[in-house]
Every structure is written in structure tokens, then in C-alpha cells.
């Protein structure tokens, strides 16, 4: 799998990558609420956005793992 470094990265560290990227909407919402004194609904939107991003990325990681297991020779 050395020919495909990005697939290797996703297969090996996909769970951590999904968590880190899912935290970005939450961090943006916290910064928006703290910096501009926006309504607290922005924080809820950040949490929901983070959950949606996490589920989508986690499913993407699982699909890449399945394809890598079936199609790439070891």
C-alpha cells in the first residue's frame, strides 16, 4: 500500500482524522459566540454540524477501509 499514501493515512488514522475534523465546526461556533456575542443557538448549530461531519467522515473512512482491504493487494 506504499503506492497510495493518502489511502494508507486514511486507513491507519481515519478515526483520529474524523474526530479532529468534526471538532472544527464546534470550535468555530465557540469562537463565534465568544467573539461576537452571538446567540447560543450558534453553539447548538456547531454541535449538530460537528456530529453530522463526524458521521459522514466515519462512514467515508469505513468505505475506504473496505475498498483497501478488497482491492489493494497486501
PDB file of N, CA and C in Angstrom:
ATOM      1  N   UNK A   1       0.821  -1.188   0.000  1.00  0.00           N
ATOM      2  CA  UNK A   1       0.000   0.000   0.000  1.00  0.00           C
ATOM      3  C   UNK A   1       0.868   1.256   0.000  1.00  0.00           C
ATOM      4  N   UNK A   2       2.142   1.098  -0.233  1.00  0.00           N
ATOM      5  CA  UNK A   2       3.036   2.253  -0.265  1.00  0.00           C
ATOM      6  C   UNK A   2       2.812   3.127  -1.494  1.00  0.00           C
ATOM      7  N   UNK A   3       2.142   2.589  -2.498  1.00  0.00           N
ATOM      8  CA  UNK A   3       1.846   3.377  -3.695  1.00  0.00           C
ATOM      9  C   UNK A   3       0.762   4.419  -3.437  1.00  0.00           C
ATOM     10  N   UNK A   4      -0.034   4.208  -2.411  1.00  0.00           N
ATOM     11  CA  UNK A   4      -1.186   5.063  -2.129  1.00  0.00           C
ATOM     12  C   UNK A   4      -1.061   5.656  -0.725  1.00  0.00           C
ATOM     13  N   UNK A   5      -0.277   6.708  -0.561  1.00  0.00           N
ATOM     14  CA  UNK A   5      -0.035   7.230   0.794  1.00  0.00           C
ATOM     15  C   UNK A   5      -1.275   7.828   1.459  1.00  0.00           C
ATOM     16  N   UNK A   6      -2.156   8.431   0.690  1.00  0.00           N
ATOM     17  CA  UNK A   6      -3.352   9.031   1.291  1.00  0.00           C
ATOM     18  C   UNK A   6      -4.308   7.948   1.769  1.00  0.00           C
ATOM     19  N   UNK A   7      -4.462   6.894   0.979  1.00  0.00           N
ATOM     20  CA  UNK A   7      -5.316   5.784   1.415  1.00  0.00           C
ATOM     21  C   UNK A   7      -4.725   5.134   2.653  1.00  0.00           C
ATOM     22  N   UNK A   8      -3.407   5.005   2.680  1.00  0.00           N
ATOM     23  CA  UNK A   8      -2.740   4.443   3.862  1.00  0.00           C
ATOM     24  C   UNK A   8      -2.996   5.317   5.090  1.00  0.00           C
ATOM     25  N   UNK A   9      -2.914   6.626   4.914  1.00  0.00           N
ATOM     26  CA  UNK A   9      -3.181   7.551   6.019  1.00  0.00           C
ATOM     27  C   UNK A   9      -4.616   7.421   6.510  1.00  0.00           C
ATOM     28  N   UNK A  10      -5.561   7.347   5.591  1.00  0.00           N
ATOM     29  CA  UNK A  10      -6.969   7.232   5.976  1.00  0.00           C
ATOM     30  C   UNK A  10      -7.240   5.906   6.670  1.00  0.00           C
ATOM     31  N   UNK A  11      -6.645   4.826   6.173  1.00  0.00           N
ATOM     32  CA  UNK A  11      -6.861   3.514   6.780  1.00  0.00           C
ATOM     33  C   UNK A  11      -6.271   3.469   8.186  1.00  0.00           C
ATOM     34  N   UNK A  12      -5.070   4.017   8.355  1.00  0.00           N
ATOM     35  CA  UNK A  12      -4.392   3.927   9.647  1.00  0.00           C
ATOM     36  C   UNK A  12      -4.901   4.938  10.666  1.00  0.00           C
ATOM     37  N   UNK A  13      -5.174   6.152  10.234  1.00  0.00           N
ATOM     38  CA  UNK A  13      -5.517   7.214  11.178  1.00  0.00           C
ATOM     39  C   UNK A  13      -6.857   7.865  10.881  1.00  0.00           C
ATOM     40  N   UNK A  14      -7.746   7.121  10.276  1.00  0.00           N
ATOM     41  CA  UNK A  14      -9.040   7.676   9.885  1.00  0.00           C
ATOM     42  C   UNK A  14      -9.917   8.075  11.052  1.00  0.00           C
ATOM     43  N   UNK A  15      -9.873   7.315  12.139  1.00  0.00           N
ATOM     44  CA  UNK A  15     -10.705   7.644  13.303  1.00  0.00           C
ATOM     45  C   UNK A  15     -10.288   8.969  13.925  1.00  0.00           C
ATOM     46  N   UNK A  16      -8.989   9.165  14.069  1.00  0.00           N
ATOM     47  CA  UNK A  16      -8.492  10.421  14.646  1.00  0.00           C
ATOM     48  C   UNK A  16      -8.807  11.581  13.714  1.00  0.00           C
ATOM     49  N   UNK A  17      -8.630  11.360  12.430  1.00  0.00           N
ATOM     50  CA  UNK A  17      -8.925  12.397  11.446  1.00  0.00           C
ATOM     51  C   UNK A  17     -10.394  12.808  11.492  1.00  0.00           C
ATOM     52  N   UNK A  18     -11.283  11.841  11.631  1.00  0.00           N
ATOM     53  CA  UNK A  18     -12.717  12.137  11.700  1.00  0.00           C
ATOM     54  C   UNK A  18     -13.049  12.964  12.935  1.00  0.00           C
ATOM     55  N   UNK A  19     -12.447  12.628  14.068  1.00  0.00           N
ATOM     56  CA  UNK A  19     -12.714  13.374  15.302  1.00  0.00           C
ATOM     57  C   UNK A  19     -12.180  14.799  15.197  1.00  0.00           C
ATOM     58  N   UNK A  20     -10.966  14.954  14.685  1.00  0.00           N
ATOM     59  CA  UNK A  20     -10.363  16.289  14.589  1.00  0.00           C
ATOM     60  C   UNK A  20     -11.164  17.186  13.649  1.00  0.00           C
ATOM     61  N   UNK A  21     -11.550  16.664  12.501  1.00  0.00           N
ATOM     62  CA  UNK A  21     -12.317  17.473  11.551  1.00  0.00           C
ATOM     63  C   UNK A  21     -13.717  17.767  12.092  1.00  0.00           C
ATOM     64  N   UNK A  22     -14.290  16.841  12.844  1.00  0.00           N
ATOM     65  CA  UNK A  22     -15.621  17.060  13.416  1.00  0.00           C
ATOM     66  C   UNK A  22     -15.600  18.114  14.518  1.00  0.00           C
ATOM     67  N   UNK A  23     -14.458  18.321  15.143  1.00  0.00           N
ATOM     68  CA  UNK A  23     -14.365  19.349  16.177  1.00  0.00           C
ATOM     69  C   UNK A  23     -14.276  20.762  15.601  1.00  0.00           C
ATOM     70  N   UNK A  24     -13.952  20.889  14.335  1.00  0.00           N
ATOM     71  CA  UNK A  24     -13.809  22.217  13.731  1.00  0.00           C
ATOM     72  C   UNK A  24     -15.095  23.045  13.751  1.00  0.00           C
ATOM     73  N   UNK A  25     -16.273  22.496  13.385  1.00  0.00           N
ATOM     74  CA  UNK A  25     -17.488  23.319  13.485  1.00  0.00           C
ATOM     75  C   UNK A  25     -17.805  23.741  14.922  1.00  0.00           C
ATOM     76  N   UNK A  26     -17.530  22.865  15.867  1.00  0.00           N
ATOM     77  CA  UNK A  26     -17.766  23.216  17.268  1.00  0.00           C
ATOM     78  C   UNK A  26     -16.832  24.338  17.706  1.00  0.00           C
ATOM     79  N   UNK A  27     -15.564  24.250  17.332  1.00  0.00           N
ATOM     80  CA  UNK A  27     -14.612  25.311  17.675  1.00  0.00           C
ATOM     81  C   UNK A  27     -14.999  26.635  17.021  1.00  0.00           C
ATOM     82  N   UNK A  28     -15.459  26.575  15.787  1.00  0.00           N
ATOM     83  CA  UNK A  28     -15.894  27.794  15.103  1.00  0.00           C
ATOM     84  C   UNK A  28     -17.110  28.403  15.787  1.00  0.00           C
ATOM     85  N   UNK A  29     -18.031  27.567  16.241  1.00  0.00           N
ATOM     86  CA  UNK A  29     -19.218  28.072  16.934  1.00  0.00           C
ATOM     87  C   UNK A  29     -18.848  28.693  18.273  1.00  0.00           C
ATOM     88  N   UNK A  30     -17.938  28.063  18.999  1.00  0.00           N
ATOM     89  CA  UNK A  30     -17.493  28.620  20.283  1.00  0.00           C
ATOM     90  C   UNK A  30     -16.800  29.959  20.060  1.00  0.00           C
ATOM     91  N   UNK A  31     -15.967  30.042  19.035  1.00  0.00           N
ATOM     92  CA  UNK A  31     -15.290  31.303  18.736  1.00  0.00           C
ATOM     93  C   UNK A  31     -16.285  32.382  18.322  1.00  0.00           C
ATOM     94  N   UNK A  32     -17.304  32.007  17.575  1.00  0.00           N
ATOM     95  CA  UNK A  32     -18.307  32.985  17.149  1.00  0.00           C
ATOM     96  C   UNK A  32     -19.115  33.496  18.332  1.00  0.00           C
ATOM     97  N   UNK A  33     -19.487  32.599  19.236  1.00  0.00           N
ATOM     98  CA  UNK A  33     -20.264  33.006  20.410  1.00  0.00           C
ATOM     99  C   UNK A  33     -19.409  33.856  21.345  1.00  0.00           C
ATOM    100  N   UNK A  34     -18.160  33.465  21.537  1.00  0.00           N
ATOM    101  CA  UNK A  34     -17.284  34.205  22.453  1.00  0.00           C
ATOM    102  C   UNK A  34     -16.844  35.539  21.863  1.00  0.00           C
ATOM    103  N   UNK A  35     -16.550  35.552  20.573  1.00  0.00           N
ATOM    104  CA  UNK A  35     -16.011  36.756  19.960  1.00  0.00           C
ATOM    105  C   UNK A  35     -17.049  37.798  19.609  1.00  0.00           C
ATOM    106  N   UNK A  36     -18.202  37.379  19.167  1.00  0.00           N
ATOM    107  CA  UNK A  36     -19.185  38.337  18.683  1.00  0.00           C
ATOM    108  C   UNK A  36     -20.446  38.375  19.531  1.00  0.00           C
ATOM    109  N   UNK A  37     -20.465  37.614  20.610  1.00  0.00           N
ATOM    110  CA  UNK A  37     -21.632  37.547  21.497  1.00  0.00           C
ATOM    111  C   UNK A  37     -22.893  37.190  20.722  1.00  0.00           C
ATOM    112  N   UNK A  38     -22.771  36.221  19.838  1.00  0.00           N
ATOM    113  CA  UNK A  38     -23.919  35.750  19.082  1.00  0.00           C
ATOM    114  C   UNK A  38     -24.831  34.952  19.980  1.00  0.00           C
ATOM    115  N   UNK A  39     -25.925  34.598  19.446  1.00  0.00           N
ATOM    116  CA  UNK A  39     -26.914  33.837  20.181  1.00  0.00           C
ATOM    117  C   UNK A  39     -26.400  32.435  20.457  1.00  0.00           C
ATOM    118  N   UNK A  40     -26.853  31.826  21.527  1.00  0.00           N
ATOM    119  CA  UNK A  40     -26.389  30.495  21.913  1.00  0.00           C
ATOM    120  C   UNK A  40     -26.820  29.418  20.931  1.00  0.00           C
ATOM    121  N   UNK A  41     -27.774  29.735  20.047  1.00  0.00           N
ATOM    122  CA  UNK A  41     -28.169  28.767  19.018  1.00  0.00           C
ATOM    123  C   UNK A  41     -27.027  28.466  18.048  1.00  0.00           C
ATOM    124  N   UNK A  42     -26.091  29.409  17.914  1.00  0.00           N
ATOM    125  CA  UNK A  42     -24.918  29.145  17.080  1.00  0.00           C
ATOM    126  C   UNK A  42     -24.097  28.006  17.665  1.00  0.00           C
ATOM    127  N   UNK A  43     -24.047  27.916  18.979  1.00  0.00           N
ATOM    128  CA  UNK A  43     -23.324  26.825  19.632  1.00  0.00           C
ATOM    129  C   UNK A  43     -24.010  25.486  19.372  1.00  0.00           C
ATOM    130  N   UNK A  44     -25.321  25.467  19.433  1.00  0.00           N
ATOM    131  CA  UNK A  44     -26.067  24.240  19.141  1.00  0.00           C
ATOM    132  C   UNK A  44     -25.873  23.843  17.673  1.00  0.00           C
ATOM    133  N   UNK A  45     -25.873  24.824  16.786  1.00  0.00           N
ATOM    134  CA  UNK A  45     -25.632  24.533  15.370  1.00  0.00           C
ATOM    135  C   UNK A  45     -24.231  23.960  15.165  1.00  0.00           C
ATOM    136  N   UNK A  46     -23.262  24.446  15.923  1.00  0.00           N
ATOM    137  CA  UNK A  46     -21.909  23.904  15.836  1.00  0.00           C
ATOM    138  C   UNK A  46     -21.830  22.471  16.307  1.00  0.00           C
ATOM    139  N   UNK A  47     -22.556  22.152  17.374  1.00  0.00           N
ATOM    140  CA  UNK A  47     -22.578  20.769  17.875  1.00  0.00           C
ATOM    141  C   UNK A  47     -23.237  19.847  16.852  1.00  0.00           C
ATOM    142  N   UNK A  48     -24.364  20.268  16.315  1.00  0.00           N
ATOM    143  CA  UNK A  48     -25.060  19.446  15.319  1.00  0.00           C
ATOM    144  C   UNK A  48     -24.210  19.303  14.056  1.00  0.00           C
ATOM    145  N   UNK A  49     -23.598  20.392  13.636  1.00  0.00           N
ATOM    146  CA  UNK A  49     -22.712  20.325  12.469  1.00  0.00           C
ATOM    147  C   UNK A  49     -21.538  19.394  12.695  1.00  0.00           C
ATOM    148  N   UNK A  50     -20.973  19.435  13.891  1.00  0.00           N
ATOM    149  CA  UNK A  50     -19.873  18.535  14.215  1.00  0.00           C
ATOM    150  C   UNK A  50     -20.289  17.081  14.187  1.00  0.00           C
ATOM    151  N   UNK A  51     -21.478  16.793  14.702  1.00  0.00           N
ATOM    152  CA  UNK A  51     -21.975  15.415  14.680  1.00  0.00           C
ATOM    153  C   UNK A  51     -22.203  14.926  13.250  1.00  0.00           C
ATOM    154  N   UNK A  52     -22.765  15.785  12.424  1.00  0.00           N
ATOM    155  CA  UNK A  52     -23.007  15.407  11.029  1.00  0.00           C
ATOM    156  C   UNK A  52     -21.684  15.158  10.306  1.00  0.00           C
ATOM    157  N   UNK A  53     -20.723  16.038  10.510  1.00  0.00           N
ATOM    158  CA  UNK A  53     -19.410  15.866   9.878  1.00  0.00           C
ATOM    159  C   UNK A  53     -18.743  14.593  10.363  1.00  0.00           C
ATOM    160  N   UNK A  54     -18.858  14.299  11.659  1.00  0.00           N
ATOM    161  CA  UNK A  54     -18.251  13.078  12.200  1.00  0.00           C
ATOM    162  C   UNK A  54     -18.860  11.828  11.572  1.00  0.00           C
ATOM    163  N   UNK A  55     -20.174  11.779  11.482  1.00  0.00           N
ATOM    164  CA  UNK A  55     -20.833  10.601  10.909  1.00  0.00           C
ATOM    165  C   UNK A  55     -20.450  10.433   9.435  1.00  0.00           C
ATOM    166  N   UNK A  56     -20.426  11.528   8.691  1.00  0.00           N
ATOM    167  CA  UNK A  56     -20.060  11.438   7.275  1.00  0.00           C
ATOM    168  C   UNK A  56     -18.614  10.991   7.095  1.00  0.00           C
ATOM    169  N   UNK A  57     -17.699  11.566   7.862  1.00  0.00           N
ATOM    170  CA  UNK A  57     -16.300  11.178   7.731  1.00  0.00           C
ATOM    171  C   UNK A  57     -16.049   9.762   8.214  1.00  0.00           C
ATOM    172  N   UNK A  58     -16.730   9.354   9.268  1.00  0.00           N
ATOM    173  CA  UNK A  58     -16.569   7.989   9.771  1.00  0.00           C
ATOM    174  C   UNK A  58     -17.045   6.985   8.726  1.00  0.00           C
ATOM    175  N   UNK A  59     -18.147   7.268   8.060  1.00  0.00           N
ATOM    176  CA  UNK A  59     -18.615   6.358   7.010  1.00  0.00           C
ATOM    177  C   UNK A  59     -17.647   6.356   5.829  1.00  0.00           C
ATOM    178  N   UNK A  60     -17.070   7.501   5.509  1.00  0.00           N
ATOM    179  CA  UNK A  60     -16.078   7.568   4.435  1.00  0.00           C
ATOM    180  C   UNK A  60     -14.848   6.732   4.780  1.00  0.00           C
ATOM    181  N   UNK A  61     -14.388   6.828   6.009  1.00  0.00           N
ATOM    182  CA  UNK A  61     -13.230   6.045   6.448  1.00  0.00           C
ATOM    183  C   UNK A  61     -13.532   4.556   6.354  1.00  0.00           C
ATOM    184  N   UNK A  62     -14.709   4.155   6.765  1.00  0.00           N
ATOM    185  CA  UNK A  62     -15.071   2.740   6.687  1.00  0.00           C
ATOM    186  C   UNK A  62     -15.141   2.265   5.240  1.00  0.00           C
ATOM    187  N   UNK A  63     -15.668   3.086   4.348  1.00  0.00           N
ATOM    188  CA  UNK A  63     -15.711   2.712   2.932  1.00  0.00           C
ATOM    189  C   UNK A  63     -14.309   2.580   2.347  1.00  0.00           C
ATOM    190  N   UNK A  64     -13.430   3.491   2.695  1.00  0.00           N
ATOM    191  CA  UNK A  64     -12.052   3.409   2.204  1.00  0.00           C
ATOM    192  C   UNK A  64     -11.377   2.161   2.744  1.00  0.00           C
ATOM    193  N   UNK A  65     -11.628   1.821   3.997  1.00  0.00           N
ATOM    194  CA  UNK A  65     -11.036   0.605   4.564  1.00  0.00           C
ATOM    195  C   UNK A  65     -11.539  -0.645   3.852  1.00  0.00           C
ATOM    196  N   UNK A  66     -12.823  -0.702   3.566  1.00  0.00           N
ATOM    197  CA  UNK A  66     -13.372  -1.861   2.854  1.00  0.00           C
ATOM    198  C   UNK A  66     -12.760  -1.963   1.463  1.00  0.00           C
ATOM    199  N   UNK A  67     -12.690  -0.853   0.750  1.00  0.00           N
ATOM    200  CA  UNK A  67     -12.111  -0.885  -0.593  1.00  0.00           C
ATOM    201  C   UNK A  67     -10.632  -1.248  -0.554  1.00  0.00           C
ATOM    202  N   UNK A  68      -9.908  -0.721   0.421  1.00  0.00           N
ATOM    203  CA  UNK A  68      -8.486  -1.037   0.528  1.00  0.00           C
ATOM    204  C   UNK A  68      -8.280  -2.511   0.844  1.00  0.00           C
ATOM    205  N   UNK A  69      -9.110  -3.075   1.695  1.00  0.00           N
ATOM    206  CA  UNK A  69      -8.980  -4.494   2.028  1.00  0.00           C
ATOM    207  C   UNK A  69      -9.288  -5.393   0.836  1.00  0.00           C
ATOM    208  N   UNK A  70     -10.248  -4.993   0.030  1.00  0.00           N
ATOM    209  CA  UNK A  70     -10.676  -5.865  -1.067  1.00  0.00           C
ATOM    210  C   UNK A  70      -9.875  -5.666  -2.351  1.00  0.00           C
ATOM    211  N   UNK A  71      -9.429  -4.459  -2.618  1.00  0.00           N
ATOM    212  CA  UNK A  71      -8.859  -4.170  -3.930  1.00  0.00           C
ATOM    213  C   UNK A  71      -7.341  -4.033  -3.964  1.00  0.00           C
ATOM    214  N   UNK A  72      -6.743  -3.631  -2.862  1.00  0.00           N
ATOM    215  CA  UNK A  72      -5.299  -3.412  -2.866  1.00  0.00           C
ATOM    216  C   UNK A  72      -4.610  -4.668  -2.344  1.00  0.00           C
ATOM    217  N   UNK A  73      -3.719  -5.239  -3.138  1.00  0.00           N
ATOM    218  CA  UNK A  73      -3.019  -6.442  -2.661  1.00  0.00           C
ATOM    219  C   UNK A  73      -2.075  -6.106  -1.510  1.00  0.00           C
ATOM    220  N   UNK A  74      -1.934  -7.076  -0.622  1.00  0.00           N
ATOM    221  CA  UNK A  74      -1.077  -6.837   0.546  1.00  0.00           C
ATOM    222  C   UNK A  74       0.248  -7.523   0.403  1.00  0.00           C
TER     223      UNK A  74
END
